[in-house]
Protein backbone atom coordinates (compact mmCIF):
# COMPACT_ATOMS: atom_id res chain seq x y z
CA MET A 1 -85.64 70.81 -27.89
CA LEU A 2 -85.33 70.60 -31.68
CA THR A 3 -83.51 73.18 -33.81
CA ILE A 4 -83.28 73.11 -37.63
CA GLU A 5 -81.37 75.54 -39.85
CA THR A 6 -81.77 74.89 -43.58
CA ASN A 7 -78.73 75.36 -45.79
CA GLN A 8 -80.18 74.08 -49.10
CA TYR A 9 -83.33 72.49 -50.46
CA THR A 10 -83.62 71.00 -53.97
CA PHE A 11 -86.26 68.84 -55.60
CA TRP A 12 -84.74 66.38 -58.07
CA GLN A 13 -87.01 64.77 -60.64
CA GLU A 14 -86.06 61.47 -62.34
CA LYS A 15 -82.35 61.93 -61.70
CA PRO A 16 -80.64 59.20 -63.80
CA GLN A 17 -77.41 59.09 -61.80
CA PHE A 18 -75.34 60.89 -59.18
CA LEU A 19 -72.36 62.89 -60.41
CA LEU A 20 -70.59 61.93 -57.20
CA HIS A 21 -71.06 58.35 -56.02
CA THR A 22 -69.34 59.16 -52.73
CA ASP A 23 -69.55 62.41 -50.81
CA THR A 24 -68.89 63.86 -47.35
CA GLU A 25 -70.69 67.00 -46.17
CA ASN A 26 -70.20 69.54 -43.40
CA TYR A 27 -73.99 69.49 -42.80
CA TRP A 28 -76.67 66.91 -42.24
CA VAL A 29 -78.11 65.61 -45.53
CA MET A 30 -81.59 64.17 -45.97
CA TYR A 31 -83.14 62.41 -48.97
CA ILE A 32 -86.91 61.91 -49.05
CA ILE A 33 -87.61 59.66 -52.00
CA GLU A 34 -90.86 59.99 -53.97
CA ASP A 35 -90.07 57.56 -56.79
CA GLY A 36 -87.31 55.33 -58.12
CA ASP A 37 -84.69 53.61 -56.00
CA CYS A 38 -81.00 53.67 -55.15
CA SER A 39 -78.44 51.69 -53.22
CA TYR A 40 -76.65 53.44 -50.37
CA ARG A 41 -74.05 53.12 -47.66
CA ILE A 42 -73.95 55.66 -44.83
CA GLY A 43 -71.34 54.88 -42.23
CA ASN A 44 -71.89 51.24 -41.31
CA GLN A 45 -75.45 51.13 -42.70
CA ALA A 46 -76.16 49.94 -46.22
CA GLY A 47 -79.24 48.97 -48.17
CA GLN A 48 -81.65 49.95 -50.91
CA ALA A 49 -83.85 53.03 -50.62
CA GLN A 50 -87.10 53.35 -52.53
CA ARG A 51 -90.42 55.22 -52.58
CA ASN A 52 -91.18 56.99 -49.25
CA THR A 53 -87.79 56.13 -47.77
CA ILE A 54 -86.03 58.81 -45.75
CA LEU A 55 -82.23 58.66 -45.67
CA LEU A 56 -80.10 60.72 -43.29
CA CYS A 57 -76.38 61.28 -43.30
CA PRO A 58 -74.65 63.23 -40.48
CA PRO A 59 -71.81 65.69 -41.06
CA GLN A 60 -68.38 64.22 -41.85
CA VAL A 61 -69.83 60.76 -42.55
CA GLU A 62 -69.19 59.23 -45.96
CA PHE A 63 -72.35 58.87 -48.08
CA GLN A 64 -72.12 56.33 -50.92
CA ARG A 65 -75.08 56.10 -53.32
CA ARG A 66 -75.90 54.77 -56.74
CA VAL A 67 -79.15 55.19 -58.72
CA ILE A 68 -80.83 51.93 -59.68
CA HIS A 69 -83.94 53.43 -61.30
CA PRO A 70 -84.28 57.20 -62.02
CA LEU A 71 -84.71 58.91 -58.68
CA THR A 72 -87.26 61.59 -57.78
CA PHE A 73 -86.46 62.96 -54.34
CA HIS A 74 -86.27 65.94 -52.01
CA PHE A 75 -82.72 66.90 -51.04
CA VAL A 76 -82.18 68.88 -47.83
CA ARG A 77 -78.89 70.09 -46.39
CA PHE A 78 -79.24 71.45 -42.86
CA SER A 79 -77.85 71.79 -39.36
CA PHE A 80 -79.63 69.94 -36.61
CA THR A 81 -79.69 69.76 -32.81
CA SER A 82 -82.04 67.71 -30.66
CA HIS A 83 -82.18 66.40 -27.11
CA PHE A 84 -84.51 63.61 -28.19
CA PHE A 85 -82.86 62.10 -31.25
CA LYS A 86 -79.34 60.75 -30.95
CA GLU A 87 -77.04 60.69 -33.97
CA GLN A 88 -76.73 56.89 -33.92
CA ASP A 89 -80.55 56.64 -34.15
CA LEU A 90 -80.64 58.70 -37.33
CA ILE A 91 -77.88 57.36 -39.58
CA GLY A 92 -79.06 55.66 -42.77
CA HIS A 93 -82.69 54.65 -43.21
CA PHE A 94 -84.28 56.95 -40.65
CA THR A 95 -87.94 56.15 -41.22
CA GLN A 96 -90.67 55.73 -43.82
CA ALA A 97 -92.38 58.92 -44.98
CA SER A 98 -95.96 59.18 -43.74
CA ASP A 99 -98.71 61.16 -45.50
CA ARG A 100 -97.97 64.10 -43.21
CA ILE A 101 -94.26 64.02 -44.07
CA MET A 102 -95.05 63.91 -47.78
CA GLU A 103 -97.40 66.86 -47.31
CA ASP A 104 -94.52 68.80 -45.72
CA CYS A 105 -92.43 67.90 -48.79
CA THR A 106 -95.12 69.33 -51.06
CA TYR A 107 -94.87 72.66 -49.24
CA LEU A 108 -91.08 72.57 -49.40
CA ARG A 109 -91.25 72.06 -53.15
CA GLN A 110 -93.59 75.02 -53.57
CA LEU A 111 -91.11 77.20 -51.67
CA GLU A 112 -88.06 76.05 -53.64
CA TYR A 113 -87.61 79.10 -55.89
CA CYS A 114 -89.47 81.65 -53.78
CA THR A 115 -87.35 84.73 -52.99
CA SER A 116 -89.30 85.96 -49.95
CA VAL A 117 -87.36 86.50 -46.73
CA GLU A 118 -89.90 84.24 -45.04
CA VAL A 119 -88.81 81.19 -47.06
CA VAL A 120 -86.01 79.95 -44.80
CA PRO A 121 -88.08 80.09 -41.57
CA LEU A 122 -90.86 78.21 -43.39
CA GLN A 123 -88.40 75.62 -44.68
CA ASN A 124 -87.05 75.21 -41.17
CA HIS A 125 -90.59 74.73 -39.89
CA PHE A 126 -91.51 72.01 -42.40
CA ILE A 127 -88.23 70.13 -41.93
CA ALA A 128 -88.65 70.31 -38.15
CA ASP A 129 -92.18 68.97 -38.59
CA ILE A 130 -90.77 65.93 -40.43
CA PHE A 131 -88.63 65.14 -37.40
CA ASN A 132 -91.41 65.94 -34.93
CA THR A 133 -93.79 63.62 -36.78
CA GLU A 134 -91.32 60.78 -36.22
CA LEU A 135 -90.67 61.87 -32.63
CA TYR A 136 -94.36 61.73 -31.73
CA ARG A 137 -94.75 58.37 -33.47
CA ARG A 138 -91.91 56.91 -31.42
CA LEU A 139 -93.28 58.37 -28.19
CA PHE A 140 -96.72 56.96 -28.99
CA GLU A 141 -95.27 53.52 -29.73
CA GLN A 142 -93.36 53.61 -26.45
CA HIS A 143 -96.62 54.17 -24.56
CA HIS A 144 -98.91 52.20 -26.87
CA PRO A 145 -96.85 49.38 -28.41
CA THR A 146 -98.55 46.92 -30.73
CA ILE A 147 -99.46 43.74 -28.85
CA HIS A 148 -98.93 40.68 -31.05
CA SER A 149 -99.43 37.87 -28.49
CA LEU A 150 -103.03 36.61 -28.43
CA THR A 151 -102.54 35.57 -24.81
CA ILE A 152 -101.43 39.06 -23.80
CA GLN A 153 -104.37 40.51 -25.76
CA LYS A 154 -106.68 38.20 -23.78
CA ALA A 155 -105.07 39.33 -20.52
CA ILE A 156 -105.55 42.99 -21.43
CA ALA A 157 -109.21 42.37 -22.28
CA PHE A 158 -109.66 40.71 -18.89
CA MET A 159 -108.09 43.71 -17.13
CA VAL A 160 -110.23 46.17 -19.11
CA ASN A 161 -113.39 44.29 -18.16
CA HIS A 162 -112.53 43.63 -14.50
CA TYR A 163 -110.20 46.39 -13.23
CA GLN A 164 -113.03 47.77 -11.08
CA ASP A 165 -113.24 44.43 -9.19
CA GLN A 166 -109.89 44.93 -7.40
CA ILE A 167 -108.33 42.08 -9.36
CA THR A 168 -104.72 41.06 -8.77
CA ILE A 169 -102.05 40.29 -11.35
CA ASN A 170 -102.06 36.68 -10.11
CA GLU A 171 -105.76 36.46 -11.03
CA VAL A 172 -105.03 37.89 -14.49
CA ALA A 173 -102.24 35.35 -14.99
CA GLN A 174 -104.47 32.49 -13.88
CA ASN A 175 -107.13 33.64 -16.35
CA VAL A 176 -104.72 33.10 -19.26
CA GLY A 177 -103.19 29.93 -17.83
CA TRP A 178 -99.72 31.27 -16.98
CA THR A 179 -97.82 31.63 -13.72
CA SER A 180 -97.67 35.15 -12.34
CA ALA A 181 -93.88 35.44 -12.85
CA TYR A 182 -93.95 34.16 -16.44
CA PHE A 183 -96.95 36.34 -17.27
CA SER A 184 -95.22 39.44 -15.89
CA ARG A 185 -92.08 38.79 -17.96
CA ARG A 186 -94.02 38.18 -21.18
CA PHE A 187 -96.29 41.18 -20.61
CA LYS A 188 -93.34 43.54 -20.01
CA ALA A 189 -91.66 42.28 -23.19
CA GLU A 190 -94.81 42.89 -25.28
CA ALA A 191 -96.23 46.06 -23.70
CA GLY A 192 -93.08 47.81 -22.49
CA ILE A 193 -94.51 48.17 -18.97
CA THR A 194 -95.39 45.70 -16.22
CA PRO A 195 -98.95 44.36 -15.92
CA ILE A 196 -99.21 46.15 -12.57
CA GLN A 197 -98.41 49.45 -14.29
CA TYR A 198 -100.88 48.69 -17.10
CA LEU A 199 -103.65 47.89 -14.61
CA GLU A 200 -102.88 51.02 -12.61
CA ASN A 201 -103.04 53.13 -15.78
CA LEU A 202 -106.44 51.67 -16.65
CA LYS A 203 -107.80 52.49 -13.22
CA MET A 204 -106.32 55.97 -13.14
CA ARG A 205 -107.80 56.85 -16.54
CA ALA A 206 -111.20 55.70 -15.27
CA VAL A 207 -110.80 57.87 -12.17
CA GLN A 208 -109.97 60.93 -14.27
CA GLN A 209 -112.98 60.35 -16.51
CA LEU A 210 -115.35 60.04 -13.55
CA LEU A 211 -113.91 63.15 -11.89
CA ILE A 212 -114.50 65.16 -15.05
CA THR A 213 -117.87 63.76 -16.15
CA THR A 214 -119.65 63.19 -12.81
CA ASP A 215 -120.05 64.81 -9.41
CA LEU A 216 -119.58 61.52 -7.55
CA PRO A 217 -117.66 61.77 -4.27
CA ILE A 218 -114.13 60.36 -4.23
CA GLY A 219 -115.16 57.40 -2.07
CA THR A 220 -117.73 56.27 -4.63
CA ILE A 221 -115.26 56.77 -7.49
CA ALA A 222 -112.74 54.63 -5.59
CA LEU A 223 -115.18 51.73 -5.36
CA LYS A 224 -116.10 52.06 -9.05
CA THR A 225 -112.48 51.96 -10.19
CA GLY A 226 -110.99 49.14 -8.11
CA TYR A 227 -109.62 51.06 -5.13
CA SER A 228 -110.42 50.08 -1.56
CA ASN A 229 -111.35 53.57 -0.36
CA GLY A 230 -111.22 57.25 -1.19
CA TYR A 231 -108.25 57.99 1.05
CA TYR A 232 -106.04 55.43 -0.68
CA LEU A 233 -107.21 56.61 -4.11
CA SER A 234 -106.42 60.24 -3.24
CA ARG A 235 -102.87 59.28 -2.26
CA LYS A 236 -102.35 57.26 -5.49
CA PHE A 237 -103.88 60.03 -7.61
CA SER A 238 -101.64 62.72 -6.12
CA ALA A 239 -98.55 60.55 -6.58
CA CYS A 240 -99.37 59.84 -10.22
CA LEU A 241 -100.68 63.22 -11.39
CA HIS A 242 -99.07 65.60 -8.89
CA THR A 243 -102.40 67.15 -7.97
CA THR A 244 -105.35 66.22 -5.81
CA PRO A 245 -108.59 64.75 -7.20
CA SER A 246 -110.53 67.85 -6.12
CA LYS A 247 -108.09 70.23 -7.84
CA PHE A 248 -108.10 68.05 -10.95
CA ARG A 249 -111.91 68.11 -11.05
CA HIS A 250 -112.02 71.88 -10.54
CA THR A 251 -109.42 72.49 -13.27
CA HIS A 252 -111.37 70.48 -15.84
CA GLN A 253 -114.83 71.81 -15.05
CA ILE A 254 -116.57 73.61 -17.94
């Protein structure tokens, strides 16, 4: 659950310097930098912030900053609660601003001097969207991390092409020239899940697609997706998705 309450929003254009080089607030403070750069220290984090950098400072944490080149940035003071983000994950350089985040900033700027009673709820919405954009990116990266190892990429390609053949992880490891134990350790480090889990996910996605797009019986789907029989597949499906294959098919029929 994410809750944002905006206290102040200001757009600063080509600010040559800060009047206060050190400050401590009772609210969260966020800088979203469009141009220029500055040095900063927030708690134990220090560095240089530039275009598209997002800086966050929690309440009662000292924020030191100094303009290096005239700074154009969005300033937000707000209260914040979340069960996903933890304070230690947010201090300092929170993230880089994506196109979507910068689009939210454009809307915030347009609302800056609007006197409508709807302004604050809209500001809260756009600031929450900035956090949600980062939340979804992190969740996606947890489930779909970037694979850098060419050997792991080769192993994944082998699993994609042969999952329906009831292959084992030992066979995948042999295909890339590694022992099963070493392969499993390296795969988990790169992909965030074990190769067994990755293979199971591949097969289960294929099962779901066939349930939705065909009228094949469960026994046939099992053989096409690397399971020994329909009974075993039904048990695995129910354990993974908390529903039966027949209910899943019925729910997704159109």
